[in-house]
Amino acid sequence: ACRDALAVSQHLKIIKTQDIKGTGKMTPSSGVQ
């Protein structure tokens, strides 16, 4: 469960920061921590 929690948290980071245009750039949305 610890590992799954770590994985889910990383997945959320990816979802929250991934460029949806598919450029592969990992940048947060403007003004968002």
All heavy atoms as atom14 arrays in JSON, in Angstrom:
{
  "sequence": "ACRDALAVSQHLKIIKTQDIKGTGKMTPSSGVQ",
  "atom14_mask": [
    [1, 1, 1, 1, 1, 0, 0, 0, 0, 0, 0, 0, 0, 0],
    [1, 1, 1, 1, 1, 1, 0, 0, 0, 0, 0, 0, 0, 0],
    [1, 1, 1, 1, 1, 1, 1, 1, 1, 1, 1, 0, 0, 0],
    [1, 1, 1, 1, 1, 1, 1, 1, 0, 0, 0, 0, 0, 0],
    [1, 1, 1, 1, 1, 0, 0, 0, 0, 0, 0, 0, 0, 0],
    [1, 1, 1, 1, 1, 1, 1, 1, 0, 0, 0, 0, 0, 0],
    [1, 1, 1, 1, 1, 0, 0, 0, 0, 0, 0, 0, 0, 0],
    [1, 1, 1, 1, 1, 1, 1, 0, 0, 0, 0, 0, 0, 0],
    [1, 1, 1, 1, 1, 1, 0, 0, 0, 0, 0, 0, 0, 0],
    [1, 1, 1, 1, 1, 1, 1, 1, 1, 0, 0, 0, 0, 0],
    [1, 1, 1, 1, 1, 1, 1, 1, 1, 1, 0, 0, 0, 0],
    [1, 1, 1, 1, 1, 1, 1, 1, 0, 0, 0, 0, 0, 0],
    [1, 1, 1, 1, 1, 1, 1, 1, 1, 0, 0, 0, 0, 0],
    [1, 1, 1, 1, 1, 1, 1, 1, 0, 0, 0, 0, 0, 0],
    [1, 1, 1, 1, 1, 1, 1, 1, 0, 0, 0, 0, 0, 0],
    [1, 1, 1, 1, 1, 1, 1, 1, 1, 0, 0, 0, 0, 0],
    [1, 1, 1, 1, 1, 1, 1, 0, 0, 0, 0, 0, 0, 0],
    [1, 1, 1, 1, 1, 1, 1, 1, 1, 0, 0, 0, 0, 0],
    [1, 1, 1, 1, 1, 1, 1, 1, 0, 0, 0, 0, 0, 0],
    [1, 1, 1, 1, 1, 1, 1, 1, 0, 0, 0, 0, 0, 0],
    [1, 1, 1, 1, 1, 1, 1, 1, 1, 0, 0, 0, 0, 0],
    [1, 1, 1, 1, 0, 0, 0, 0, 0, 0, 0, 0, 0, 0],
    [1, 1, 1, 1, 1, 1, 1, 0, 0, 0, 0, 0, 0, 0],
    [1, 1, 1, 1, 0, 0, 0, 0, 0, 0, 0, 0, 0, 0],
    [1, 1, 1, 1, 1, 1, 1, 1, 1, 0, 0, 0, 0, 0],
    [1, 1, 1, 1, 1, 1, 1, 1, 0, 0, 0, 0, 0, 0],
    [1, 1, 1, 1, 1, 1, 1, 0, 0, 0, 0, 0, 0, 0],
    [1, 1, 1, 1, 1, 1, 1, 0, 0, 0, 0, 0, 0, 0],
    [1, 1, 1, 1, 1, 1, 0, 0, 0, 0, 0, 0, 0, 0],
    [1, 1, 1, 1, 1, 1, 0, 0, 0, 0, 0, 0, 0, 0],
    [1, 1, 1, 1, 0, 0, 0, 0, 0, 0, 0, 0, 0, 0],
    [1, 1, 1, 1, 1, 1, 1, 0, 0, 0, 0, 0, 0, 0],
    [1, 1, 1, 1, 1, 1, 1, 1, 1, 0, 0, 0, 0, 0]
  ],
  "atom14_positions": [
    [[0.83, -1.2, 0.0], [0.0, 0.0, 0.0], [0.87, 1.25, 0.0], [0.51, 2.27, -0.63], [-0.94, 0.0, 1.2], [0.0, 0.0, 0.0], [0.0, 0.0, 0.0], [0.0, 0.0, 0.0], [0.0, 0.0, 0.0], [0.0, 0.0, 0.0], [0.0, 0.0, 0.0], [0.0, 0.0, 0.0], [0.0, 0.0, 0.0], [0.0, 0.0, 0.0]],
    [[2.01, 1.2, 0.7], [2.95, 2.32, 0.67], [3.41, 2.59, -0.76], [3.43, 3.75, -1.22], [4.16, 2.02, 1.55], [3.85, 2.07, 3.32], [0.0, 0.0, 0.0], [0.0, 0.0, 0.0], [0.0, 0.0, 0.0], [0.0, 0.0, 0.0], [0.0, 0.0, 0.0], [0.0, 0.0, 0.0], [0.0, 0.0, 0.0], [0.0, 0.0, 0.0]],
    [[3.79, 1.54, -1.47], [4.27, 1.7, -2.85], [3.17, 2.2, -3.77], [3.39, 3.06, -4.64], [4.82, 0.37, -3.36], [6.07, -0.07, -2.64], [6.46, -1.48, -3.03], [7.46, -1.95, -2.09], [7.63, -3.21, -1.72], [6.85, -4.15, -2.23], [8.56, -3.53, -0.86], [0.0, 0.0, 0.0], [0.0, 0.0, 0.0], [0.0, 0.0, 0.0]],
    [[1.97, 1.67, -3.58], [0.85, 2.11, -4.41], [0.53, 3.58, -4.14], [0.2, 4.33, -5.06], [-0.38, 1.24, -4.16], [-0.21, -0.18, -4.69], [0.47, -0.35, -5.71], [-0.74, -1.11, -4.07], [0.0, 0.0, 0.0], [0.0, 0.0, 0.0], [0.0, 0.0, 0.0], [0.0, 0.0, 0.0], [0.0, 0.0, 0.0], [0.0, 0.0, 0.0]],
    [[0.62, 3.99, -2.88], [0.38, 5.39, -2.54], [1.43, 6.29, -3.18], [1.12, 7.38, -3.68], [0.38, 5.58, -1.03], [0.0, 0.0, 0.0], [0.0, 0.0, 0.0], [0.0, 0.0, 0.0], [0.0, 0.0, 0.0], [0.0, 0.0, 0.0], [0.0, 0.0, 0.0], [0.0, 0.0, 0.0], [0.0, 0.0, 0.0], [0.0, 0.0, 0.0]],
    [[2.68, 5.84, -3.19], [3.74, 6.59, -3.86], [3.47, 6.7, -5.36], [3.63, 7.77, -5.95], [5.09, 5.92, -3.61], [5.68, 6.07, -2.2], [6.82, 5.08, -1.99], [6.16, 7.5, -1.98], [0.0, 0.0, 0.0], [0.0, 0.0, 0.0], [0.0, 0.0, 0.0], [0.0, 0.0, 0.0], [0.0, 0.0, 0.0], [0.0, 0.0, 0.0]],
    [[3.05, 5.59, -5.96], [2.79, 5.59, -7.4], [1.63, 6.51, -7.76], [1.71, 7.3, -8.71], [2.5, 4.17, -7.88], [0.0, 0.0, 0.0], [0.0, 0.0, 0.0], [0.0, 0.0, 0.0], [0.0, 0.0, 0.0], [0.0, 0.0, 0.0], [0.0, 0.0, 0.0], [0.0, 0.0, 0.0], [0.0, 0.0, 0.0], [0.0, 0.0, 0.0]],
    [[0.54, 6.44, -7.0], [-0.61, 7.29, -7.26], [-0.23, 8.76, -7.12], [-0.62, 9.61, -7.93], [-1.79, 6.94, -6.32], [-2.84, 8.03, -6.32], [-2.4, 5.6, -6.73], [0.0, 0.0, 0.0], [0.0, 0.0, 0.0], [0.0, 0.0, 0.0], [0.0, 0.0, 0.0], [0.0, 0.0, 0.0], [0.0, 0.0, 0.0], [0.0, 0.0, 0.0]],
    [[0.57, 9.06, -6.11], [0.99, 10.44, -5.91], [1.84, 10.94, -7.07], [1.71, 12.08, -7.53], [1.76, 10.55, -4.59], [1.86, 11.89, -4.17], [0.0, 0.0, 0.0], [0.0, 0.0, 0.0], [0.0, 0.0, 0.0], [0.0, 0.0, 0.0], [0.0, 0.0, 0.0], [0.0, 0.0, 0.0], [0.0, 0.0, 0.0], [0.0, 0.0, 0.0]],
    [[2.71, 10.07, -7.58], [3.5, 10.44, -8.77], [2.62, 10.6, -10.0], [2.83, 11.49, -10.82], [4.57, 9.37, -9.02], [5.73, 9.37, -8.04], [6.67, 10.55, -8.24], [6.51, 11.37, -9.13], [7.68, 10.64, -7.38], [0.0, 0.0, 0.0], [0.0, 0.0, 0.0], [0.0, 0.0, 0.0], [0.0, 0.0, 0.0], [0.0, 0.0, 0.0]],
    [[1.63, 9.74, -10.13], [0.71, 9.85, -11.27], [-0.05, 11.18, -11.23], [-0.27, 11.82, -12.27], [-0.29, 8.69, -11.26], [0.35, 7.35, -11.48], [-0.23, 6.16, -11.09], [1.55, 7.01, -12.02], [0.56, 5.17, -11.39], [1.65, 5.65, -11.96], [0.0, 0.0, 0.0], [0.0, 0.0, 0.0], [0.0, 0.0, 0.0], [0.0, 0.0, 0.0]],
    [[-0.44, 11.59, -10.02], [-1.13, 12.87, -9.89], [-0.21, 14.02, -10.28], [-0.64, 14.99, -10.93], [-1.62, 13.06, -8.46], [-2.88, 12.27, -8.1], [-3.08, 12.24, -6.6], [-4.1, 12.85, -8.79], [0.0, 0.0, 0.0], [0.0, 0.0, 0.0], [0.0, 0.0, 0.0], [0.0, 0.0, 0.0], [0.0, 0.0, 0.0], [0.0, 0.0, 0.0]],
    [[1.07, 13.92, -9.91], [2.02, 14.97, -10.31], [2.1, 15.04, -11.83], [2.1, 16.13, -12.41], [3.39, 14.67, -9.72], [4.46, 15.67, -10.18], [5.84, 15.27, -9.73], [6.88, 16.24, -10.28], [8.27, 15.83, -9.91], [0.0, 0.0, 0.0], [0.0, 0.0, 0.0], [0.0, 0.0, 0.0], [0.0, 0.0, 0.0], [0.0, 0.0, 0.0]],
    [[2.16, 13.89, -12.47], [2.24, 13.86, -13.93], [1.0, 14.48, -14.56], [1.07, 15.31, -15.46], [2.44, 12.41, -14.43], [3.81, 11.88, -13.98], [2.31, 12.33, -15.94], [3.99, 10.39, -14.19], [0.0, 0.0, 0.0], [0.0, 0.0, 0.0], [0.0, 0.0, 0.0], [0.0, 0.0, 0.0], [0.0, 0.0, 0.0], [0.0, 0.0, 0.0]],
    [[-0.17, 14.06, -14.05], [-1.43, 14.58, -14.59], [-1.53, 16.08, -14.41], [-1.99, 16.81, -15.31], [-2.62, 13.88, -13.92], [-2.68, 12.41, -14.34], [-3.94, 14.58, -14.26], [-3.64, 11.58, -13.53], [0.0, 0.0, 0.0], [0.0, 0.0, 0.0], [0.0, 0.0, 0.0], [0.0, 0.0, 0.0], [0.0, 0.0, 0.0], [0.0, 0.0, 0.0]],
    [[-1.08, 16.56, -13.26], [-1.22, 17.98, -12.95], [-0.19, 18.86, -13.67], [-0.34, 20.08, -13.73], [-1.1, 18.2, -11.44], [-2.28, 17.65, -10.64], [-2.01, 17.74, -9.14], [-3.14, 17.15, -8.32], [-4.37, 17.96, -8.36], [0.0, 0.0, 0.0], [0.0, 0.0, 0.0], [0.0, 0.0, 0.0], [0.0, 0.0, 0.0], [0.0, 0.0, 0.0]],
    [[0.87, 18.25, -14.2], [1.93, 19.05, -14.81], [2.19, 18.74, -16.28], [2.86, 19.51, -16.96], [3.25, 18.86, -14.04], [3.62, 17.48, -14.05], [3.11, 19.33, -12.6], [0.0, 0.0, 0.0], [0.0, 0.0, 0.0], [0.0, 0.0, 0.0], [0.0, 0.0, 0.0], [0.0, 0.0, 0.0], [0.0, 0.0, 0.0], [0.0, 0.0, 0.0]],
    [[1.7, 17.62, -16.76], [2.03, 17.21, -18.12], [1.4, 18.13, -19.16], [0.24, 18.52, -19.05], [1.58, 15.77, -18.35], [1.98, 15.2, -19.71], [1.79, 13.7, -19.74], [2.52, 12.97, -19.08], [0.8, 13.26, -20.46], [0.0, 0.0, 0.0], [0.0, 0.0, 0.0], [0.0, 0.0, 0.0], [0.0, 0.0, 0.0], [0.0, 0.0, 0.0]],
    [[2.16, 18.46, -20.19], [1.66, 19.28, -21.29], [0.69, 18.44, -22.12], [1.09, 17.46, -22.76], [2.84, 19.75, -22.16], [2.4, 20.72, -23.24], [1.21, 20.77, -23.59], [3.28, 21.42, -23.75], [0.0, 0.0, 0.0], [0.0, 0.0, 0.0], [0.0, 0.0, 0.0], [0.0, 0.0, 0.0], [0.0, 0.0, 0.0], [0.0, 0.0, 0.0]],
    [[-0.59, 18.81, -22.11], [-1.61, 17.99, -22.78], [-1.47, 18.02, -24.3], [-2.1, 17.25, -25.0], [-3.03, 18.42, -22.38], [-3.29, 19.87, -22.79], [-3.26, 18.2, -20.89], [-4.73, 20.31, -22.57], [0.0, 0.0, 0.0], [0.0, 0.0, 0.0], [0.0, 0.0, 0.0], [0.0, 0.0, 0.0], [0.0, 0.0, 0.0], [0.0, 0.0, 0.0]],
    [[-0.62, 18.93, -24.82], [-0.41, 18.96, -26.27], [0.5, 17.84, -26.74], [0.69, 17.65, -27.93], [0.19, 20.31, -26.67], [-0.75, 21.5, -26.42], [-0.09, 22.8, -26.82], [-1.03, 23.98, -26.54], [-0.4, 25.29, -26.88], [0.0, 0.0, 0.0], [0.0, 0.0, 0.0], [0.0, 0.0, 0.0], [0.0, 0.0, 0.0], [0.0, 0.0, 0.0]],
    [[1.06, 17.12, -25.78], [1.89, 15.98, -26.15], [3.3, 16.34, -26.53], [3.99, 15.57, -27.21], [0.0, 0.0, 0.0], [0.0, 0.0, 0.0], [0.0, 0.0, 0.0], [0.0, 0.0, 0.0], [0.0, 0.0, 0.0], [0.0, 0.0, 0.0], [0.0, 0.0, 0.0], [0.0, 0.0, 0.0], [0.0, 0.0, 0.0], [0.0, 0.0, 0.0]],
    [[3.77, 17.5, -26.11], [5.14, 17.9, -26.45], [6.16, 17.19, -25.58], [7.34, 17.2, -25.88], [5.32, 19.42, -26.26], [5.15, 19.74, -24.89], [4.31, 20.18, -27.1], [0.0, 0.0, 0.0], [0.0, 0.0, 0.0], [0.0, 0.0, 0.0], [0.0, 0.0, 0.0], [0.0, 0.0, 0.0], [0.0, 0.0, 0.0], [0.0, 0.0, 0.0]],
    [[5.68, 16.61, -24.47], [6.59, 15.96, -23.55], [7.18, 16.89, -22.52], [7.9, 16.48, -21.62], [0.0, 0.0, 0.0], [0.0, 0.0, 0.0], [0.0, 0.0, 0.0], [0.0, 0.0, 0.0], [0.0, 0.0, 0.0], [0.0, 0.0, 0.0], [0.0, 0.0, 0.0], [0.0, 0.0, 0.0], [0.0, 0.0, 0.0], [0.0, 0.0, 0.0]],
    [[6.89, 18.18, -22.62], [7.39, 19.13, -21.63], [6.59, 19.01, -20.34], [5.37, 18.96, -20.37], [7.3, 20.56, -22.18], [8.18, 20.81, -23.4], [8.0, 22.24, -23.89], [8.87, 22.49, -25.11], [8.67, 23.88, -25.63], [0.0, 0.0, 0.0], [0.0, 0.0, 0.0], [0.0, 0.0, 0.0], [0.0, 0.0, 0.0], [0.0, 0.0, 0.0]],
    [[7.29, 18.98, -19.24], [6.65, 18.83, -17.95], [6.71, 20.15, -17.2], [7.64, 20.42, -16.45], [7.33, 17.72, -17.14], [7.35, 16.38, -17.86], [5.72, 15.66, -18.0], [5.45, 15.17, -16.33], [0.0, 0.0, 0.0], [0.0, 0.0, 0.0], [0.0, 0.0, 0.0], [0.0, 0.0, 0.0], [0.0, 0.0, 0.0], [0.0, 0.0, 0.0]],
    [[5.75, 21.01, -17.44], [5.75, 22.31, -16.78], [4.4, 22.53, -16.13], [3.36, 22.21, -16.71], [6.01, 23.44, -17.79], [5.05, 23.35, -18.85], [7.41, 23.32, -18.38], [0.0, 0.0, 0.0], [0.0, 0.0, 0.0], [0.0, 0.0, 0.0], [0.0, 0.0, 0.0], [0.0, 0.0, 0.0], [0.0, 0.0, 0.0], [0.0, 0.0, 0.0]],
    [[4.39, 23.08, -14.93], [3.1, 23.34, -14.27], [2.35, 24.44, -14.98], [2.92, 25.27, -15.68], [3.52, 23.77, -12.87], [4.92, 24.28, -13.01], [5.54, 23.48, -14.12], [0.0, 0.0, 0.0], [0.0, 0.0, 0.0], [0.0, 0.0, 0.0], [0.0, 0.0, 0.0], [0.0, 0.0, 0.0], [0.0, 0.0, 0.0], [0.0, 0.0, 0.0]],
    [[1.04, 24.43, -14.81], [0.21, 25.47, -15.4], [0.62, 26.83, -14.84], [1.13, 26.94, -13.73], [-1.26, 25.2, -15.09], [-1.65, 23.94, -15.58], [0.0, 0.0, 0.0], [0.0, 0.0, 0.0], [0.0, 0.0, 0.0], [0.0, 0.0, 0.0], [0.0, 0.0, 0.0], [0.0, 0.0, 0.0], [0.0, 0.0, 0.0], [0.0, 0.0, 0.0]],
    [[0.41, 27.86, -15.61], [0.81, 29.2, -15.23], [0.2, 29.6, -13.89], [-1.0, 29.47, -13.68], [0.37, 30.2, -16.31], [0.67, 31.52, -15.92], [0.0, 0.0, 0.0], [0.0, 0.0, 0.0], [0.0, 0.0, 0.0], [0.0, 0.0, 0.0], [0.0, 0.0, 0.0], [0.0, 0.0, 0.0], [0.0, 0.0, 0.0], [0.0, 0.0, 0.0]],
    [[1.05, 30.06, -12.98], [0.58, 30.55, -11.69], [0.26, 29.48, -10.68], [-0.19, 29.78, -9.57], [0.0, 0.0, 0.0], [0.0, 0.0, 0.0], [0.0, 0.0, 0.0], [0.0, 0.0, 0.0], [0.0, 0.0, 0.0], [0.0, 0.0, 0.0], [0.0, 0.0, 0.0], [0.0, 0.0, 0.0], [0.0, 0.0, 0.0], [0.0, 0.0, 0.0]],
    [[0.46, 28.2, -11.04], [0.13, 27.09, -10.14], [1.42, 26.53, -9.56], [2.38, 26.27, -10.28], [-0.64, 25.98, -10.88], [-0.91, 24.81, -9.96], [-1.94, 26.53, -11.45], [0.0, 0.0, 0.0], [0.0, 0.0, 0.0], [0.0, 0.0, 0.0], [0.0, 0.0, 0.0], [0.0, 0.0, 0.0], [0.0, 0.0, 0.0], [0.0, 0.0, 0.0]],
    [[1.44, 26.36, -8.25], [2.61, 25.78, -7.61], [2.79, 24.33, -8.06], [1.81, 23.59, -8.19], [2.46, 25.83, -6.09], [2.56, 27.22, -5.5], [3.94, 27.82, -5.66], [4.95, 27.13, -5.5], [3.98, 29.1, -6.01], [0.0, 0.0, 0.0], [0.0, 0.0, 0.0], [0.0, 0.0, 0.0], [0.0, 0.0, 0.0], [0.0, 0.0, 0.0]]
  ]
}
